[in-house]
Amino acid sequence: MSEYLFEHTRVERIQAWTDRANLAEQRALEKAGSFREGVLRGRRGQRRPTLPHLRVTLDRPARSPYARSMGHDDLPSLELAFPGPERDHGVAAILRGRKTALTGLLEIYEHAGEAVPVAGQRFSVLGSDGLPAVTIELVEVRVVPVKEIDDDFARAEGRGYADAAAWRTAHEEFFRSDGVSEFLGRTPVVDDDTLVVAQRFRVCSERTGPCL
């Protein structure tokens, strides 16, 4: 249940209470990834005393900025950056036809245990609400050093980058952001030789239909 909630909703924390003497239930909750947070005792005004209860908490695990899972339309889903304005702007740019490329840090794929995508794969791109917004098909995938991203690719990202230098400034900021650092467990080093996954794509009208 907790995995479903974290995967399909925006729930960030789940809390449960268990009898302090119920060791079996406590072990089951801890096995699910919960941790003990405190003891709940009887409240003032209660007519009968209650036994102390443990409060256990399960937080949403840190997720890859490019988190992929099965989408609502049976396609693997693709999430651009983190929920919020940055993701919403990216999705809007795809829908307007301005965004036809995206970039991922190879280290993130490796840390998440995810295979690098290949040309021909289709993804359901999700909005910040977790719902499918558009279907895309990859037409080109390259693993290249940051220094090989050129002006043409930077502009194809559809975020208003004037050239590769502007693209690099924005991506270095994102790759070193708190969200990425939390997921990786460290702040990545980004230099000329840092490998990125440069992807070009086209928009598809349906899950199995033609692409534009």
N, C-alpha and C. Protein backbone atom coordinates (compact mmCIF):
# COMPACT_ATOMS: atom_id res chain seq x y z
N MET A 1 0.82 -1.20 0.00
CA MET A 1 0.00 0.00 0.00
C MET A 1 0.87 1.27 0.00
N SER A 2 1.91 1.29 0.83
CA SER A 2 2.76 2.48 0.90
C SER A 2 3.43 2.72 -0.45
N GLU A 3 3.90 1.65 -1.12
CA GLU A 3 4.54 1.81 -2.41
C GLU A 3 3.57 2.38 -3.43
N TYR A 4 2.32 1.93 -3.39
CA TYR A 4 1.30 2.43 -4.32
C TYR A 4 1.06 3.92 -4.09
N LEU A 5 0.93 4.32 -2.82
CA LEU A 5 0.67 5.72 -2.50
C LEU A 5 1.82 6.61 -2.97
N PHE A 6 3.06 6.19 -2.71
CA PHE A 6 4.19 7.00 -3.11
C PHE A 6 4.32 7.06 -4.63
N GLU A 7 3.92 5.99 -5.31
CA GLU A 7 4.08 5.92 -6.76
C GLU A 7 2.99 6.68 -7.50
N HIS A 8 1.76 6.66 -6.96
CA HIS A 8 0.62 7.19 -7.72
C HIS A 8 0.00 8.45 -7.11
N THR A 9 0.48 8.91 -5.97
CA THR A 9 -0.04 10.13 -5.38
C THR A 9 1.12 11.01 -4.96
N ARG A 10 0.81 12.19 -4.40
CA ARG A 10 1.87 13.10 -3.96
C ARG A 10 2.07 13.04 -2.45
N VAL A 11 1.62 11.95 -1.82
CA VAL A 11 1.82 11.75 -0.39
C VAL A 11 3.32 11.72 -0.09
N GLU A 12 3.74 12.47 0.92
CA GLU A 12 5.15 12.54 1.28
C GLU A 12 5.49 11.75 2.56
N ARG A 13 4.47 11.51 3.41
CA ARG A 13 4.76 10.84 4.69
C ARG A 13 3.54 10.04 5.13
N ILE A 14 3.80 8.83 5.64
CA ILE A 14 2.75 7.97 6.17
C ILE A 14 3.07 7.69 7.63
N GLN A 15 2.08 7.86 8.52
CA GLN A 15 2.30 7.58 9.93
C GLN A 15 1.31 6.52 10.41
N ALA A 16 1.77 5.72 11.35
CA ALA A 16 0.93 4.67 11.93
C ALA A 16 1.20 4.59 13.41
N TRP A 17 0.26 4.05 14.15
CA TRP A 17 0.42 3.86 15.58
C TRP A 17 0.27 2.38 15.90
N THR A 18 1.06 1.89 16.82
CA THR A 18 0.99 0.48 17.21
C THR A 18 1.17 0.36 18.72
N ASP A 19 0.52 -0.63 19.30
CA ASP A 19 0.67 -0.88 20.73
C ASP A 19 2.13 -1.12 21.04
N ARG A 20 2.60 -0.48 22.08
CA ARG A 20 4.02 -0.60 22.43
C ARG A 20 4.42 -2.04 22.74
N ALA A 21 3.45 -2.86 23.12
CA ALA A 21 3.75 -4.24 23.46
C ALA A 21 3.65 -5.18 22.26
N ASN A 22 3.18 -4.69 21.13
CA ASN A 22 2.98 -5.53 19.95
C ASN A 22 4.27 -5.56 19.13
N LEU A 23 5.19 -6.42 19.53
CA LEU A 23 6.51 -6.46 18.89
C LEU A 23 6.43 -6.96 17.46
N ALA A 24 5.53 -7.91 17.20
CA ALA A 24 5.42 -8.46 15.85
C ALA A 24 5.00 -7.37 14.86
N GLU A 25 4.04 -6.55 15.25
CA GLU A 25 3.58 -5.49 14.36
C GLU A 25 4.66 -4.44 14.17
N GLN A 26 5.41 -4.15 15.22
CA GLN A 26 6.50 -3.19 15.11
C GLN A 26 7.55 -3.67 14.12
N ARG A 27 7.88 -4.97 14.18
CA ARG A 27 8.87 -5.53 13.25
C ARG A 27 8.37 -5.44 11.82
N ALA A 28 7.07 -5.70 11.61
CA ALA A 28 6.50 -5.63 10.26
C ALA A 28 6.58 -4.21 9.71
N LEU A 29 6.30 -3.21 10.55
CA LEU A 29 6.36 -1.82 10.11
C LEU A 29 7.79 -1.40 9.81
N GLU A 30 8.73 -1.84 10.65
CA GLU A 30 10.12 -1.49 10.42
C GLU A 30 10.65 -2.17 9.15
N LYS A 31 10.17 -3.37 8.87
CA LYS A 31 10.58 -4.09 7.66
C LYS A 31 10.12 -3.33 6.42
N ALA A 32 9.00 -2.63 6.55
CA ALA A 32 8.47 -1.85 5.43
C ALA A 32 9.20 -0.53 5.25
N GLY A 33 10.16 -0.25 6.14
CA GLY A 33 10.95 0.97 6.01
C GLY A 33 10.60 2.06 6.98
N SER A 34 9.67 1.80 7.91
CA SER A 34 9.26 2.82 8.88
C SER A 34 10.32 2.99 9.96
N PHE A 35 10.26 4.11 10.65
CA PHE A 35 11.14 4.32 11.78
C PHE A 35 10.33 4.85 12.95
N ARG A 36 10.80 4.55 14.18
CA ARG A 36 10.09 4.99 15.38
C ARG A 36 10.31 6.48 15.59
N GLU A 37 9.19 7.19 15.83
CA GLU A 37 9.30 8.63 15.97
C GLU A 37 8.92 9.12 17.37
N GLY A 38 8.09 8.40 18.10
CA GLY A 38 7.72 8.86 19.42
C GLY A 38 6.69 7.96 20.07
N VAL A 39 6.29 8.33 21.26
CA VAL A 39 5.32 7.55 22.03
C VAL A 39 4.08 8.41 22.25
N LEU A 40 2.92 7.86 21.94
CA LEU A 40 1.65 8.55 22.14
C LEU A 40 1.04 8.05 23.44
N ARG A 41 0.79 8.95 24.37
CA ARG A 41 0.22 8.57 25.66
C ARG A 41 -1.22 9.11 25.76
N GLY A 42 -1.90 8.74 26.83
CA GLY A 42 -3.28 9.17 27.01
C GLY A 42 -3.42 10.67 27.03
N ARG A 43 -4.48 11.19 26.43
CA ARG A 43 -4.70 12.63 26.38
C ARG A 43 -5.50 13.09 27.60
N ARG A 44 -5.36 14.34 27.94
CA ARG A 44 -6.11 14.90 29.04
C ARG A 44 -7.60 14.84 28.75
N GLY A 45 -8.38 14.51 29.77
CA GLY A 45 -9.82 14.47 29.61
C GLY A 45 -10.36 13.10 29.25
N GLN A 46 -9.46 12.16 28.88
CA GLN A 46 -9.94 10.82 28.57
C GLN A 46 -10.37 10.13 29.87
N ARG A 47 -11.52 9.47 29.84
CA ARG A 47 -12.04 8.85 31.04
C ARG A 47 -11.31 7.58 31.42
N ARG A 48 -10.82 6.86 30.40
CA ARG A 48 -10.09 5.65 30.76
C ARG A 48 -8.66 5.78 30.24
N PRO A 49 -7.71 5.28 31.01
CA PRO A 49 -6.32 5.41 30.57
C PRO A 49 -6.05 4.54 29.35
N THR A 50 -5.13 4.97 28.51
CA THR A 50 -4.72 4.17 27.35
C THR A 50 -3.27 3.78 27.52
N LEU A 51 -2.92 2.62 26.97
CA LEU A 51 -1.54 2.18 27.02
C LEU A 51 -0.70 3.03 26.08
N PRO A 52 0.55 3.27 26.44
CA PRO A 52 1.41 4.03 25.54
C PRO A 52 1.49 3.35 24.17
N HIS A 53 1.42 4.13 23.08
CA HIS A 53 1.54 3.61 21.73
C HIS A 53 2.74 4.25 21.04
N LEU A 54 3.39 3.46 20.21
CA LEU A 54 4.50 3.98 19.42
C LEU A 54 3.97 4.62 18.14
N ARG A 55 4.56 5.74 17.76
CA ARG A 55 4.24 6.33 16.46
C ARG A 55 5.40 6.02 15.52
N VAL A 56 5.09 5.42 14.37
CA VAL A 56 6.12 5.09 13.40
C VAL A 56 5.82 5.85 12.11
N THR A 57 6.87 6.20 11.40
CA THR A 57 6.75 7.05 10.22
C THR A 57 7.48 6.44 9.04
N LEU A 58 6.88 6.57 7.85
CA LEU A 58 7.50 6.13 6.61
C LEU A 58 7.50 7.32 5.66
N ASP A 59 8.69 7.81 5.29
CA ASP A 59 8.80 8.95 4.39
C ASP A 59 8.97 8.48 2.96
N ARG A 60 8.52 9.33 2.02
CA ARG A 60 8.73 9.02 0.61
C ARG A 60 10.22 8.89 0.34
N PRO A 61 10.64 7.79 -0.30
CA PRO A 61 12.06 7.65 -0.60
C PRO A 61 12.51 8.66 -1.65
N ALA A 62 13.79 9.04 -1.57
CA ALA A 62 14.33 9.95 -2.58
C ALA A 62 14.24 9.27 -3.94
N ARG A 63 13.76 10.03 -4.95
CA ARG A 63 13.55 9.45 -6.26
C ARG A 63 14.46 10.10 -7.28
N SER A 64 14.76 9.34 -8.31
CA SER A 64 15.53 9.88 -9.42
C SER A 64 14.75 11.02 -10.07
N PRO A 65 15.44 12.10 -10.47
CA PRO A 65 14.75 13.18 -11.17
C PRO A 65 14.14 12.72 -12.49
N TYR A 66 14.60 11.57 -12.99
CA TYR A 66 14.06 11.04 -14.24
C TYR A 66 13.27 9.76 -13.95
N ALA A 67 12.65 9.71 -12.77
CA ALA A 67 11.98 8.49 -12.31
C ALA A 67 11.10 7.89 -13.39
N ARG A 68 11.23 6.58 -13.60
CA ARG A 68 10.44 5.89 -14.59
C ARG A 68 9.69 4.74 -13.93
N SER A 69 8.46 4.56 -14.34
CA SER A 69 7.64 3.46 -13.87
C SER A 69 6.57 3.23 -14.92
N MET A 70 5.71 2.26 -14.73
CA MET A 70 4.64 2.05 -15.69
C MET A 70 3.60 3.15 -15.52
N GLY A 71 3.30 3.84 -16.60
CA GLY A 71 2.35 4.93 -16.56
C GLY A 71 0.92 4.43 -16.58
N HIS A 72 -0.01 5.37 -16.56
CA HIS A 72 -1.42 5.04 -16.53
C HIS A 72 -1.89 4.45 -17.85
N ASP A 73 -1.12 4.61 -18.93
CA ASP A 73 -1.51 4.09 -20.23
C ASP A 73 -0.63 2.91 -20.64
N ASP A 74 -0.02 2.23 -19.67
CA ASP A 74 0.81 1.05 -19.90
C ASP A 74 2.15 1.36 -20.55
N LEU A 75 2.47 2.60 -20.74
CA LEU A 75 3.80 2.99 -21.20
C LEU A 75 4.65 3.33 -19.99
N PRO A 76 5.97 3.13 -20.08
CA PRO A 76 6.80 3.62 -18.97
C PRO A 76 6.66 5.13 -18.87
N SER A 77 6.59 5.64 -17.67
CA SER A 77 6.41 7.08 -17.49
C SER A 77 7.76 7.78 -17.36
N LEU A 78 7.77 9.04 -17.73
CA LEU A 78 8.96 9.87 -17.65
C LEU A 78 8.61 11.15 -16.92
N GLU A 79 9.38 11.48 -15.89
CA GLU A 79 9.16 12.69 -15.12
C GLU A 79 10.32 13.65 -15.35
N LEU A 80 10.01 14.84 -15.83
CA LEU A 80 11.02 15.85 -16.07
C LEU A 80 11.35 16.58 -14.77
N ALA A 81 12.60 16.52 -14.37
CA ALA A 81 13.03 17.20 -13.13
C ALA A 81 12.12 16.80 -11.97
N PHE A 82 11.83 17.77 -11.08
CA PHE A 82 10.99 17.50 -9.92
C PHE A 82 9.65 18.21 -10.10
N PRO A 83 8.58 17.74 -9.42
CA PRO A 83 7.27 18.39 -9.55
C PRO A 83 7.36 19.88 -9.22
N GLY A 84 6.63 20.68 -9.98
CA GLY A 84 6.64 22.11 -9.76
C GLY A 84 6.80 22.88 -11.06
N PRO A 85 7.11 24.16 -10.97
CA PRO A 85 7.19 25.01 -12.17
C PRO A 85 8.14 24.49 -13.24
N GLU A 86 9.30 23.98 -12.84
CA GLU A 86 10.27 23.53 -13.85
C GLU A 86 9.70 22.38 -14.68
N ARG A 87 9.04 21.41 -14.01
CA ARG A 87 8.43 20.32 -14.75
C ARG A 87 7.28 20.83 -15.61
N ASP A 88 6.44 21.69 -15.05
CA ASP A 88 5.29 22.20 -15.79
C ASP A 88 5.73 22.97 -17.03
N HIS A 89 6.79 23.76 -16.93
CA HIS A 89 7.28 24.51 -18.08
C HIS A 89 7.81 23.56 -19.15
N GLY A 90 8.49 22.49 -18.72
CA GLY A 90 9.01 21.53 -19.68
C GLY A 90 7.90 20.81 -20.44
N VAL A 91 6.87 20.38 -19.70
CA VAL A 91 5.73 19.71 -20.34
C VAL A 91 5.03 20.66 -21.30
N ALA A 92 4.84 21.90 -20.89
CA ALA A 92 4.18 22.88 -21.76
C ALA A 92 4.98 23.11 -23.03
N ALA A 93 6.30 23.14 -22.92
CA ALA A 93 7.16 23.34 -24.09
C ALA A 93 7.04 22.16 -25.06
N ILE A 94 6.90 20.95 -24.53
CA ILE A 94 6.71 19.78 -25.40
C ILE A 94 5.38 19.91 -26.14
N LEU A 95 4.33 20.25 -25.41
CA LEU A 95 3.00 20.35 -26.02
C LEU A 95 2.96 21.45 -27.09
N ARG A 96 3.76 22.49 -26.93
CA ARG A 96 3.78 23.57 -27.92
C ARG A 96 4.71 23.26 -29.09
N GLY A 97 5.46 22.16 -28.99
CA GLY A 97 6.38 21.80 -30.06
C GLY A 97 7.72 22.50 -29.97
N ARG A 98 7.97 23.19 -28.87
CA ARG A 98 9.23 23.92 -28.71
C ARG A 98 10.33 23.05 -28.13
N LYS A 99 9.96 22.03 -27.37
CA LYS A 99 10.95 21.17 -26.73
C LYS A 99 11.00 19.82 -27.44
N THR A 100 12.14 19.49 -28.03
CA THR A 100 12.31 18.21 -28.74
C THR A 100 13.56 17.48 -28.28
N ALA A 101 14.11 17.90 -27.14
CA ALA A 101 15.32 17.25 -26.61
C ALA A 101 15.31 17.35 -25.09
N LEU A 102 16.00 16.43 -24.46
CA LEU A 102 16.16 16.45 -23.01
C LEU A 102 17.48 15.81 -22.64
N THR A 103 17.96 16.13 -21.48
CA THR A 103 19.27 15.65 -21.04
C THR A 103 19.20 15.08 -19.64
N GLY A 104 19.87 13.97 -19.42
CA GLY A 104 19.96 13.38 -18.10
C GLY A 104 21.40 13.15 -17.70
N LEU A 105 21.68 13.22 -16.44
CA LEU A 105 23.03 12.94 -15.92
C LEU A 105 23.20 11.43 -15.85
N LEU A 106 24.22 10.91 -16.52
CA LEU A 106 24.42 9.46 -16.55
C LEU A 106 24.54 8.88 -15.16
N GLU A 107 25.16 9.60 -14.25
CA GLU A 107 25.34 9.12 -12.88
C GLU A 107 24.00 8.84 -12.20
N ILE A 108 22.97 9.61 -12.54
CA ILE A 108 21.66 9.40 -11.94
C ILE A 108 21.08 8.07 -12.42
N TYR A 109 21.19 7.79 -13.72
CA TYR A 109 20.70 6.52 -14.24
C TYR A 109 21.42 5.36 -13.55
N GLU A 110 22.73 5.47 -13.43
CA GLU A 110 23.51 4.39 -12.83
C GLU A 110 23.15 4.19 -11.37
N HIS A 111 22.98 5.28 -10.64
CA HIS A 111 22.64 5.19 -9.22
C HIS A 111 21.25 4.57 -9.04
N ALA A 112 20.34 4.87 -9.95
CA ALA A 112 18.98 4.34 -9.85
C ALA A 112 18.88 2.92 -10.37
N GLY A 113 19.95 2.42 -10.99
CA GLY A 113 19.91 1.07 -11.55
C GLY A 113 19.06 1.00 -12.81
N GLU A 114 18.92 2.12 -13.50
CA GLU A 114 18.10 2.19 -14.70
C GLU A 114 18.98 2.11 -15.95
N ALA A 115 18.50 1.38 -16.94
CA ALA A 115 19.21 1.29 -18.21
C ALA A 115 19.08 2.61 -18.95
N VAL A 116 20.11 2.96 -19.69
CA VAL A 116 20.03 4.15 -20.54
C VAL A 116 19.00 3.86 -21.63
N PRO A 117 18.05 4.76 -21.86
CA PRO A 117 17.03 4.52 -22.89
C PRO A 117 17.64 4.43 -24.27
N VAL A 118 16.87 3.89 -25.20
CA VAL A 118 17.35 3.72 -26.57
C VAL A 118 16.34 4.32 -27.54
N ALA A 119 16.82 4.64 -28.73
CA ALA A 119 15.94 5.19 -29.75
C ALA A 119 14.81 4.21 -30.05
N GLY A 120 13.62 4.74 -30.23
CA GLY A 120 12.46 3.90 -30.50
C GLY A 120 11.58 3.70 -29.29
N GLN A 121 12.12 3.92 -28.09
CA GLN A 121 11.31 3.79 -26.89
C GLN A 121 10.30 4.92 -26.78
N ARG A 122 9.12 4.58 -26.27
CA ARG A 122 8.10 5.59 -26.03
C ARG A 122 7.87 5.75 -24.53
N PHE A 123 7.57 6.97 -24.13
CA PHE A 123 7.33 7.27 -22.73
C PHE A 123 6.10 8.15 -22.59
N SER A 124 5.41 7.96 -21.49
CA SER A 124 4.31 8.84 -21.12
C SER A 124 4.88 9.89 -20.18
N VAL A 125 4.93 11.12 -20.63
CA VAL A 125 5.50 12.20 -19.82
C VAL A 125 4.44 12.69 -18.85
N LEU A 126 4.79 12.71 -17.57
CA LEU A 126 3.83 13.09 -16.52
C LEU A 126 3.97 14.56 -16.14
N GLY A 127 2.84 15.15 -15.78
CA GLY A 127 2.86 16.50 -15.25
C GLY A 127 3.10 16.47 -13.75
N SER A 128 3.10 17.63 -13.12
CA SER A 128 3.32 17.70 -11.68
C SER A 128 2.21 17.02 -10.89
N ASP A 129 1.03 16.84 -11.52
CA ASP A 129 -0.07 16.16 -10.85
C ASP A 129 0.04 14.65 -10.93
N GLY A 130 1.10 14.15 -11.57
CA GLY A 130 1.31 12.71 -11.68
C GLY A 130 0.51 12.05 -12.79
N LEU A 131 -0.19 12.84 -13.60
CA LEU A 131 -1.02 12.30 -14.67
C LEU A 131 -0.31 12.44 -16.02
N PRO A 132 -0.59 11.52 -16.96
CA PRO A 132 0.04 11.61 -18.29
C PRO A 132 -0.34 12.90 -19.00
N ALA A 133 0.65 13.57 -19.56
CA ALA A 133 0.40 14.83 -20.27
C ALA A 133 0.63 14.68 -21.77
N VAL A 134 1.60 13.85 -22.16
CA VAL A 134 1.92 13.69 -23.57
C VAL A 134 2.78 12.44 -23.74
N THR A 135 2.69 11.81 -24.91
CA THR A 135 3.51 10.64 -25.22
C THR A 135 4.61 11.05 -26.19
N ILE A 136 5.84 10.61 -25.90
CA ILE A 136 6.96 10.91 -26.78
C ILE A 136 7.66 9.63 -27.21
N GLU A 137 8.37 9.71 -28.31
CA GLU A 137 9.19 8.59 -28.79
C GLU A 137 10.61 9.10 -29.02
N LEU A 138 11.58 8.42 -28.45
CA LEU A 138 12.97 8.83 -28.62
C LEU A 138 13.43 8.51 -30.04
N VAL A 139 14.10 9.46 -30.66
CA VAL A 139 14.61 9.24 -32.02
C VAL A 139 16.14 9.20 -32.04
N GLU A 140 16.76 9.68 -30.98
CA GLU A 140 18.22 9.65 -30.89
C GLU A 140 18.63 9.69 -29.43
N VAL A 141 19.58 8.84 -29.07
CA VAL A 141 20.11 8.81 -27.70
C VAL A 141 21.63 8.72 -27.79
N ARG A 142 22.32 9.66 -27.15
CA ARG A 142 23.78 9.65 -27.14
C ARG A 142 24.29 9.86 -25.72
N VAL A 143 25.31 9.13 -25.34
CA VAL A 143 26.00 9.38 -24.07
C VAL A 143 27.27 10.12 -24.42
N VAL A 144 27.33 11.40 -24.03
CA VAL A 144 28.43 12.26 -24.44
C VAL A 144 28.91 13.10 -23.26
N PRO A 145 30.14 13.60 -23.32
CA PRO A 145 30.60 14.53 -22.29
C PRO A 145 29.85 15.86 -22.42
N VAL A 146 29.74 16.56 -21.33
CA VAL A 146 29.06 17.86 -21.32
C VAL A 146 29.63 18.78 -22.39
N LYS A 147 30.93 18.73 -22.60
CA LYS A 147 31.58 19.66 -23.55
C LYS A 147 31.13 19.45 -24.99
N GLU A 148 30.48 18.31 -25.29
CA GLU A 148 30.05 18.03 -26.66
C GLU A 148 28.62 18.49 -26.96
N ILE A 149 27.93 19.02 -25.98
CA ILE A 149 26.59 19.58 -26.22
C ILE A 149 26.76 20.88 -27.00
N ASP A 150 26.13 20.96 -28.17
CA ASP A 150 26.30 22.15 -29.01
C ASP A 150 25.09 23.08 -28.92
N ASP A 151 25.18 24.22 -29.62
CA ASP A 151 24.12 25.22 -29.56
C ASP A 151 22.80 24.67 -30.09
N ASP A 152 22.84 23.87 -31.15
CA ASP A 152 21.61 23.33 -31.74
C ASP A 152 20.86 22.46 -30.74
N PHE A 153 21.58 21.60 -30.03
CA PHE A 153 20.93 20.73 -29.05
C PHE A 153 20.41 21.57 -27.90
N ALA A 154 21.18 22.55 -27.45
CA ALA A 154 20.76 23.40 -26.34
C ALA A 154 19.44 24.09 -26.66
N ARG A 155 19.29 24.59 -27.87
CA ARG A 155 18.05 25.27 -28.26
C ARG A 155 16.90 24.28 -28.37
N ALA A 156 17.19 23.06 -28.78
CA ALA A 156 16.14 22.04 -28.92
C ALA A 156 15.54 21.64 -27.58
N GLU A 157 16.22 21.99 -26.48
CA GLU A 157 15.68 21.69 -25.16
C GLU A 157 14.43 22.54 -24.85
N GLY A 158 14.22 23.61 -25.63
CA GLY A 158 12.99 24.37 -25.52
C GLY A 158 12.81 25.18 -24.26
N ARG A 159 13.89 25.49 -23.59
CA ARG A 159 13.79 26.27 -22.35
C ARG A 159 14.38 27.67 -22.51
N GLY A 160 14.57 28.09 -23.74
CA GLY A 160 15.03 29.44 -24.00
C GLY A 160 16.53 29.64 -23.92
N TYR A 161 17.31 28.55 -23.95
CA TYR A 161 18.76 28.70 -23.92
C TYR A 161 19.25 29.33 -25.22
N ALA A 162 20.05 30.38 -25.12
CA ALA A 162 20.57 31.04 -26.31
C ALA A 162 21.66 30.21 -26.98
N ASP A 163 22.41 29.47 -26.16
CA ASP A 163 23.50 28.67 -26.70
C ASP A 163 23.88 27.59 -25.69
N ALA A 164 24.93 26.82 -26.03
CA ALA A 164 25.37 25.72 -25.17
C ALA A 164 25.88 26.22 -23.82
N ALA A 165 26.42 27.42 -23.80
CA ALA A 165 26.92 27.96 -22.52
C ALA A 165 25.77 28.20 -21.55
N ALA A 166 24.66 28.75 -22.06
CA ALA A 166 23.49 28.97 -21.20
C ALA A 166 22.90 27.63 -20.76
N TRP A 167 22.86 26.66 -21.67
CA TRP A 167 22.38 25.31 -21.34
C TRP A 167 23.23 24.73 -20.21
N ARG A 168 24.54 24.87 -20.32
CA ARG A 168 25.44 24.28 -19.32
C ARG A 168 25.25 24.93 -17.95
N THR A 169 25.11 26.24 -17.92
CA THR A 169 24.92 26.92 -16.64
C THR A 169 23.67 26.40 -15.93
N ALA A 170 22.57 26.28 -16.68
CA ALA A 170 21.31 25.81 -16.09
C ALA A 170 21.41 24.37 -15.64
N HIS A 171 22.05 23.51 -16.44
CA HIS A 171 22.12 22.09 -16.09
C HIS A 171 23.09 21.84 -14.95
N GLU A 172 24.17 22.59 -14.89
CA GLU A 172 25.08 22.44 -13.75
C GLU A 172 24.35 22.79 -12.46
N GLU A 173 23.53 23.83 -12.51
CA GLU A 173 22.77 24.24 -11.33
C GLU A 173 21.80 23.13 -10.91
N PHE A 174 21.13 22.52 -11.89
CA PHE A 174 20.18 21.46 -11.56
C PHE A 174 20.90 20.21 -11.06
N PHE A 175 21.98 19.81 -11.73
CA PHE A 175 22.70 18.60 -11.33
C PHE A 175 23.28 18.73 -9.92
N ARG A 176 23.53 19.96 -9.47
CA ARG A 176 24.07 20.18 -8.13
C ARG A 176 22.99 20.59 -7.14
N SER A 177 21.73 20.52 -7.54
CA SER A 177 20.64 20.95 -6.68
C SER A 177 20.47 20.03 -5.48
N ASP A 178 19.74 20.51 -4.48
CA ASP A 178 19.52 19.71 -3.27
C ASP A 178 18.82 18.39 -3.58
N GLY A 179 17.84 18.43 -4.50
CA GLY A 179 17.10 17.21 -4.82
C GLY A 179 17.97 16.14 -5.43
N VAL A 180 18.84 16.52 -6.36
CA VAL A 180 19.75 15.56 -6.98
C VAL A 180 20.77 15.06 -5.96
N SER A 181 21.30 15.97 -5.16
CA SER A 181 22.29 15.59 -4.15
C SER A 181 21.70 14.62 -3.13
N GLU A 182 20.43 14.85 -2.76
CA GLU A 182 19.78 13.96 -1.81
C GLU A 182 19.62 12.56 -2.41
N PHE A 183 19.25 12.51 -3.70
CA PHE A 183 19.06 11.22 -4.36
C PHE A 183 20.38 10.47 -4.48
N LEU A 184 21.45 11.15 -4.87
CA LEU A 184 22.74 10.50 -5.08
C LEU A 184 23.49 10.26 -3.77
N GLY A 185 23.14 11.01 -2.73
CA GLY A 185 23.87 10.90 -1.48
C GLY A 185 25.11 11.76 -1.46
N ARG A 186 25.28 12.57 -2.47
CA ARG A 186 26.42 13.49 -2.57
C ARG A 186 26.15 14.48 -3.68
N THR A 187 26.90 15.56 -3.69
CA THR A 187 26.78 16.53 -4.77
C THR A 187 27.71 16.12 -5.91
N PRO A 188 27.20 15.86 -7.10
CA PRO A 188 28.06 15.37 -8.18
C PRO A 188 29.02 16.43 -8.68
N VAL A 189 30.14 15.97 -9.18
CA VAL A 189 31.11 16.86 -9.82
C VAL A 189 30.71 17.00 -11.28
N VAL A 190 30.59 18.22 -11.74
CA VAL A 190 30.22 18.48 -13.13
C VAL A 190 31.34 19.28 -13.79
N ASP A 191 31.99 18.67 -14.78
CA ASP A 191 33.04 19.36 -15.53
C ASP A 191 32.92 19.00 -17.01
N ASP A 192 33.91 19.36 -17.81
CA ASP A 192 33.84 19.12 -19.25
C ASP A 192 33.62 17.66 -19.60
N ASP A 193 34.15 16.75 -18.79
CA ASP A 193 34.10 15.33 -19.12
C ASP A 193 32.96 14.57 -18.45
N THR A 194 32.12 15.27 -17.71
CA THR A 194 30.96 14.62 -17.09
C THR A 194 30.03 14.09 -18.18
N LEU A 195 29.63 12.83 -18.06
CA LEU A 195 28.79 12.20 -19.09
C LEU A 195 27.31 12.47 -18.86
N VAL A 196 26.65 12.84 -19.93
CA VAL A 196 25.21 13.07 -19.90
C VAL A 196 24.56 12.23 -21.00
N VAL A 197 23.25 11.99 -20.82
CA VAL A 197 22.48 11.23 -21.80
C VAL A 197 21.65 12.25 -22.58
N ALA A 198 22.09 12.54 -23.80
CA ALA A 198 21.43 13.54 -24.65
C ALA A 198 20.39 12.83 -25.52
N GLN A 199 19.13 13.23 -25.40
CA GLN A 199 18.04 12.53 -26.09
C GLN A 199 17.21 13.50 -26.93
N ARG A 200 16.93 13.11 -28.15
CA ARG A 200 16.00 13.84 -29.00
C ARG A 200 14.75 12.99 -29.16
N PHE A 201 13.60 13.64 -29.27
CA PHE A 201 12.35 12.89 -29.32
C PHE A 201 11.33 13.60 -30.21
N ARG A 202 10.26 12.89 -30.49
CA ARG A 202 9.13 13.47 -31.20
C ARG A 202 7.86 13.12 -30.44
N VAL A 203 6.83 13.91 -30.63
CA VAL A 203 5.56 13.71 -29.94
C VAL A 203 4.69 12.73 -30.72
N CYS A 204 4.04 11.82 -29.98
CA CYS A 204 3.15 10.84 -30.58
C CYS A 204 1.71 11.19 -30.23
N SER A 205 0.82 10.99 -31.19
CA SER A 205 -0.57 11.35 -30.95
C SER A 205 -1.25 10.39 -29.99
N GLU A 206 -0.84 9.10 -30.00
CA GLU A 206 -1.42 8.11 -29.12
C GLU A 206 -0.32 7.16 -28.66
N ARG A 207 -0.71 6.19 -27.78
CA ARG A 207 0.26 5.25 -27.22
C ARG A 207 0.94 4.45 -28.34
N THR A 208 0.19 4.01 -29.33
CA THR A 208 0.76 3.21 -30.41
C THR A 208 0.56 3.88 -31.77
N GLY A 209 0.07 5.13 -31.74
CA GLY A 209 -0.24 5.81 -32.99
C GLY A 209 0.98 6.49 -33.59
N PRO A 210 0.76 7.21 -34.68
CA PRO A 210 1.87 7.88 -35.37
C PRO A 210 2.46 9.00 -34.54
N CYS A 211 3.72 9.32 -34.82
CA CYS A 211 4.41 10.40 -34.13
C CYS A 211 4.63 11.54 -35.11
N LEU A 212 4.68 12.74 -34.57
CA LEU A 212 4.83 13.94 -35.40
C LEU A 212 6.29 14.26 -35.65
